[in-house]
Amino acid sequence: GQFTAETIKGIGQLFKNLAVNISRQFSSDAKVRKAASTSIKSIGDNMAGPVGIVGTIFPAASKAGLTQIIMLVAIISVSLAVMNILPIPALDGGRWLTTVLFKLSKKELTMKREEKIQTVGFAILMGLVVLVTILDVKKIF
């Protein structure tokens, strides 16, 4: 429960910092824009996708004990579960959000319409996966 709460809190803080610093990019003060740009860069530097995680874990795993490895697997599993419930189309949270929005608007959610929504969400998600993987590989080299 504690890891789940911390993961949700961390994701919320990430999106908050990202939104604040993106909005600061439109400031008329050059110092504010530079600080925001530096902050956005540090957010990107501190994130990793599967390639970055594996590149970090394997060298450290040989030195860690079994308990630490099991704890790391648990943390990754909780993080994946939390990410899956985010309201992003093509994930479970996205399907839930789509269903709720159509029920609230009293429009019929046909299979064809839902497939289009989920396909667009999946395409965006796959584009993000490719981008994160490219950035992870660049960090390694």
C-alpha atoms as a PDB file:
ATOM      1  CA  GLY A   1       0.000   0.000   0.000  1.00  0.00           C
ATOM      2  CA  GLN A   2       2.816   2.383   0.888  1.00  0.00           C
ATOM      3  CA  PHE A   3       4.600   1.793  -2.434  1.00  0.00           C
ATOM      4  CA  THR A   4       1.356   2.324  -4.320  1.00  0.00           C
ATOM      5  CA  ALA A   5       0.696   5.614  -2.509  1.00  0.00           C
ATOM      6  CA  GLU A   6       4.264   6.798  -3.087  1.00  0.00           C
ATOM      7  CA  THR A   7       4.109   5.822  -6.763  1.00  0.00           C
ATOM      8  CA  ILE A   8       0.874   7.754  -7.260  1.00  0.00           C
ATOM      9  CA  LYS A   9       2.313  10.710  -5.343  1.00  0.00           C
ATOM     10  CA  GLY A  10       5.486  10.616  -7.453  1.00  0.00           C
ATOM     11  CA  ILE A  11       3.568  10.498 -10.735  1.00  0.00           C
ATOM     12  CA  GLY A  12       1.378  13.384  -9.583  1.00  0.00           C
ATOM     13  CA  GLN A  13       4.448  15.416  -8.614  1.00  0.00           C
ATOM     14  CA  LEU A  14       6.055  14.628 -11.971  1.00  0.00           C
ATOM     15  CA  PHE A  15       3.040  15.871 -13.943  1.00  0.00           C
ATOM     16  CA  LYS A  16       2.743  18.940 -11.695  1.00  0.00           C
ATOM     17  CA  ASN A  17       6.425  19.863 -12.154  1.00  0.00           C
ATOM     18  CA  LEU A  18       6.181  19.262 -15.878  1.00  0.00           C
ATOM     19  CA  ALA A  19       3.055  21.439 -16.245  1.00  0.00           C
ATOM     20  CA  VAL A  20       4.497  24.258 -14.132  1.00  0.00           C
ATOM     21  CA  ASN A  21       7.796  24.297 -16.007  1.00  0.00           C
ATOM     22  CA  ILE A  22       6.161  24.104 -19.434  1.00  0.00           C
ATOM     23  CA  SER A  23       3.990  27.095 -18.519  1.00  0.00           C
ATOM     24  CA  ARG A  24       7.102  28.952 -17.319  1.00  0.00           C
ATOM     25  CA  GLN A  25       8.580  28.517 -20.796  1.00  0.00           C
ATOM     26  CA  PHE A  26       6.161  31.253 -21.918  1.00  0.00           C
ATOM     27  CA  SER A  27       7.431  33.761 -19.354  1.00  0.00           C
ATOM     28  CA  SER A  28       8.814  37.087 -20.524  1.00  0.00           C
ATOM     29  CA  ASP A  29      11.702  36.744 -18.018  1.00  0.00           C
ATOM     30  CA  ALA A  30      14.687  34.971 -19.589  1.00  0.00           C
ATOM     31  CA  LYS A  31      15.903  33.693 -16.184  1.00  0.00           C
ATOM     32  CA  VAL A  32      12.548  32.033 -15.502  1.00  0.00           C
ATOM     33  CA  ARG A  33      12.577  30.397 -18.956  1.00  0.00           C
ATOM     34  CA  LYS A  34      16.154  29.141 -18.456  1.00  0.00           C
ATOM     35  CA  ALA A  35      15.341  27.727 -14.999  1.00  0.00           C
ATOM     36  CA  ALA A  36      12.230  26.029 -16.402  1.00  0.00           C
ATOM     37  CA  SER A  37      14.214  24.556 -19.272  1.00  0.00           C
ATOM     38  CA  THR A  38      16.844  23.212 -16.864  1.00  0.00           C
ATOM     39  CA  SER A  39      14.114  21.711 -14.679  1.00  0.00           C
ATOM     40  CA  ILE A  40      12.436  20.006 -17.647  1.00  0.00           C
ATOM     41  CA  LYS A  41      15.808  18.587 -18.718  1.00  0.00           C
ATOM     42  CA  SER A  42      16.415  17.192 -15.222  1.00  0.00           C
ATOM     43  CA  ILE A  43      12.972  15.552 -15.268  1.00  0.00           C
ATOM     44  CA  GLY A  44      13.911  13.792 -18.510  1.00  0.00           C
ATOM     45  CA  ASP A  45      17.323  12.797 -17.166  1.00  0.00           C
ATOM     46  CA  ASN A  46      15.754  11.194 -14.086  1.00  0.00           C
ATOM     47  CA  MET A  47      13.262   9.078 -16.036  1.00  0.00           C
ATOM     48  CA  ALA A  48      13.998   5.776 -17.715  1.00  0.00           C
ATOM     49  CA  GLY A  49      12.153   3.242 -19.788  1.00  0.00           C
ATOM     50  CA  PRO A  50      12.707  -0.519 -19.885  1.00  0.00           C
ATOM     51  CA  VAL A  51      16.154  -0.250 -21.508  1.00  0.00           C
ATOM     52  CA  GLY A  52      17.320   2.309 -18.940  1.00  0.00           C
ATOM     53  CA  ILE A  53      15.931   0.268 -16.049  1.00  0.00           C
ATOM     54  CA  VAL A  54      17.641  -2.922 -17.233  1.00  0.00           C
ATOM     55  CA  GLY A  55      20.867  -0.983 -17.835  1.00  0.00           C
ATOM     56  CA  THR A  56      20.744   0.214 -14.238  1.00  0.00           C
ATOM     57  CA  ILE A  57      19.504  -2.955 -12.572  1.00  0.00           C
ATOM     58  CA  PHE A  58      21.773  -5.645 -14.025  1.00  0.00           C
ATOM     59  CA  PRO A  59      25.092  -4.118 -12.943  1.00  0.00           C
ATOM     60  CA  ALA A  60      23.711  -3.520  -9.438  1.00  0.00           C
ATOM     61  CA  ALA A  61      21.905  -6.880  -9.179  1.00  0.00           C
ATOM     62  CA  SER A  62      25.124  -8.848  -8.875  1.00  0.00           C
ATOM     63  CA  LYS A  63      26.011  -6.862  -5.745  1.00  0.00           C
ATOM     64  CA  ALA A  64      22.515  -6.871  -4.224  1.00  0.00           C
ATOM     65  CA  GLY A  65      21.067  -9.662  -2.178  1.00  0.00           C
ATOM     66  CA  LEU A  66      17.963 -11.696  -2.900  1.00  0.00           C
ATOM     67  CA  THR A  67      15.812  -9.519  -0.603  1.00  0.00           C
ATOM     68  CA  GLN A  68      16.733  -6.339  -2.469  1.00  0.00           C
ATOM     69  CA  ILE A  69      16.040  -7.939  -5.848  1.00  0.00           C
ATOM     70  CA  ILE A  70      12.614  -9.182  -4.694  1.00  0.00           C
ATOM     71  CA  MET A  71      11.852  -5.698  -3.326  1.00  0.00           C
ATOM     72  CA  LEU A  72      12.847  -4.141  -6.662  1.00  0.00           C
ATOM     73  CA  VAL A  73      10.602  -6.551  -8.568  1.00  0.00           C
ATOM     74  CA  ALA A  74       7.732  -5.620  -6.214  1.00  0.00           C
ATOM     75  CA  ILE A  75       8.312  -1.896  -6.763  1.00  0.00           C
ATOM     76  CA  ILE A  76       8.375  -2.341 -10.543  1.00  0.00           C
ATOM     77  CA  SER A  77       5.161  -4.404 -10.396  1.00  0.00           C
ATOM     78  CA  VAL A  78       3.376  -1.755  -8.326  1.00  0.00           C
ATOM     79  CA  SER A  79       4.592   0.981 -10.672  1.00  0.00           C
ATOM     80  CA  LEU A  80       3.274  -0.914 -13.695  1.00  0.00           C
ATOM     81  CA  ALA A  81      -0.085  -1.461 -12.002  1.00  0.00           C
ATOM     82  CA  VAL A  82      -0.409   2.248 -11.196  1.00  0.00           C
ATOM     83  CA  MET A  83       0.589   3.231 -14.735  1.00  0.00           C
ATOM     84  CA  ASN A  84      -2.007   0.822 -16.150  1.00  0.00           C
ATOM     85  CA  ILE A  85      -4.865   2.592 -14.337  1.00  0.00           C
ATOM     86  CA  LEU A  86      -3.918   6.022 -15.684  1.00  0.00           C
ATOM     87  CA  PRO A  87      -6.626   7.410 -17.991  1.00  0.00           C
ATOM     88  CA  ILE A  88      -4.620   6.868 -21.161  1.00  0.00           C
ATOM     89  CA  PRO A  89      -6.398   5.223 -24.100  1.00  0.00           C
ATOM     90  CA  ALA A  90      -5.138   1.681 -24.790  1.00  0.00           C
ATOM     91  CA  LEU A  91      -4.609   1.095 -21.050  1.00  0.00           C
ATOM     92  CA  ASP A  92      -7.268  -0.169 -18.627  1.00  0.00           C
ATOM     93  CA  GLY A  93      -7.726   3.290 -17.138  1.00  0.00           C
ATOM     94  CA  GLY A  94      -8.295   4.685 -20.623  1.00  0.00           C
ATOM     95  CA  ARG A  95     -11.011   2.144 -21.365  1.00  0.00           C
ATOM     96  CA  TRP A  96     -12.670   2.973 -18.063  1.00  0.00           C
ATOM     97  CA  LEU A  97     -12.495   6.722 -18.766  1.00  0.00           C
ATOM     98  CA  THR A  98     -13.872   6.265 -22.291  1.00  0.00           C
ATOM     99  CA  THR A  99     -16.798   4.238 -20.975  1.00  0.00           C
ATOM    100  CA  VAL A 100     -17.567   6.763 -18.226  1.00  0.00           C
ATOM    101  CA  LEU A 101     -17.392   9.747 -20.594  1.00  0.00           C
ATOM    102  CA  PHE A 102     -19.766   8.132 -23.075  1.00  0.00           C
ATOM    103  CA  LYS A 103     -22.186   7.143 -20.294  1.00  0.00           C
ATOM    104  CA  LEU A 104     -22.150  10.696 -18.911  1.00  0.00           C
ATOM    105  CA  SER A 105     -22.721  12.197 -22.358  1.00  0.00           C
ATOM    106  CA  LYS A 106     -25.489   9.632 -22.988  1.00  0.00           C
ATOM    107  CA  LYS A 107     -23.956   8.749 -26.346  1.00  0.00           C
ATOM    108  CA  GLU A 108     -23.695   5.197 -27.568  1.00  0.00           C
ATOM    109  CA  LEU A 109     -20.205   3.755 -27.427  1.00  0.00           C
ATOM    110  CA  THR A 110     -20.125   1.451 -30.407  1.00  0.00           C
ATOM    111  CA  MET A 111     -17.408  -1.137 -30.837  1.00  0.00           C
ATOM    112  CA  LYS A 112     -16.132   0.683 -33.923  1.00  0.00           C
ATOM    113  CA  ARG A 113     -15.913   4.024 -32.069  1.00  0.00           C
ATOM    114  CA  GLU A 114     -14.126   2.450 -29.096  1.00  0.00           C
ATOM    115  CA  GLU A 115     -11.691   0.687 -31.432  1.00  0.00           C
ATOM    116  CA  LYS A 116     -10.820   4.014 -33.090  1.00  0.00           C
ATOM    117  CA  ILE A 117     -10.251   5.702 -29.717  1.00  0.00           C
ATOM    118  CA  GLN A 118      -8.134   2.833 -28.423  1.00  0.00           C
ATOM    119  CA  THR A 119      -6.166   2.603 -31.696  1.00  0.00           C
ATOM    120  CA  VAL A 120      -5.237   6.283 -31.570  1.00  0.00           C
ATOM    121  CA  GLY A 121      -4.268   5.939 -27.900  1.00  0.00           C
ATOM    122  CA  PHE A 122      -2.209   2.848 -28.671  1.00  0.00           C
ATOM    123  CA  ALA A 123      -0.400   4.601 -31.527  1.00  0.00           C
ATOM    124  CA  ILE A 124       0.478   7.527 -29.239  1.00  0.00           C
ATOM    125  CA  LEU A 125       1.580   5.127 -26.517  1.00  0.00           C
ATOM    126  CA  MET A 126       3.811   3.189 -28.944  1.00  0.00           C
ATOM    127  CA  GLY A 127       5.312   6.456 -30.183  1.00  0.00           C
ATOM    128  CA  LEU A 128       6.122   7.330 -26.592  1.00  0.00           C
ATOM    129  CA  VAL A 129       7.685   3.895 -26.047  1.00  0.00           C
ATOM    130  CA  VAL A 130       9.907   4.373 -29.108  1.00  0.00           C
ATOM    131  CA  LEU A 131      10.925   7.858 -27.947  1.00  0.00           C
ATOM    132  CA  VAL A 132      11.747   6.691 -24.412  1.00  0.00           C
ATOM    133  CA  THR A 133      13.731   3.731 -25.765  1.00  0.00           C
ATOM    134  CA  ILE A 134      15.752   5.982 -28.065  1.00  0.00           C
ATOM    135  CA  LEU A 135      16.504   8.334 -25.168  1.00  0.00           C
ATOM    136  CA  ASP A 136      17.487   5.398 -22.939  1.00  0.00           C
ATOM    137  CA  VAL A 137      19.890   4.066 -25.559  1.00  0.00           C
ATOM    138  CA  LYS A 138      21.387   7.562 -25.977  1.00  0.00           C
ATOM    139  CA  LYS A 139      21.975   7.747 -22.199  1.00  0.00           C
ATOM    140  CA  ILE A 140      23.787   4.402 -22.217  1.00  0.00           C
ATOM    141  CA  PHE A 141      26.111   5.461 -25.041  1.00  0.00           C
END
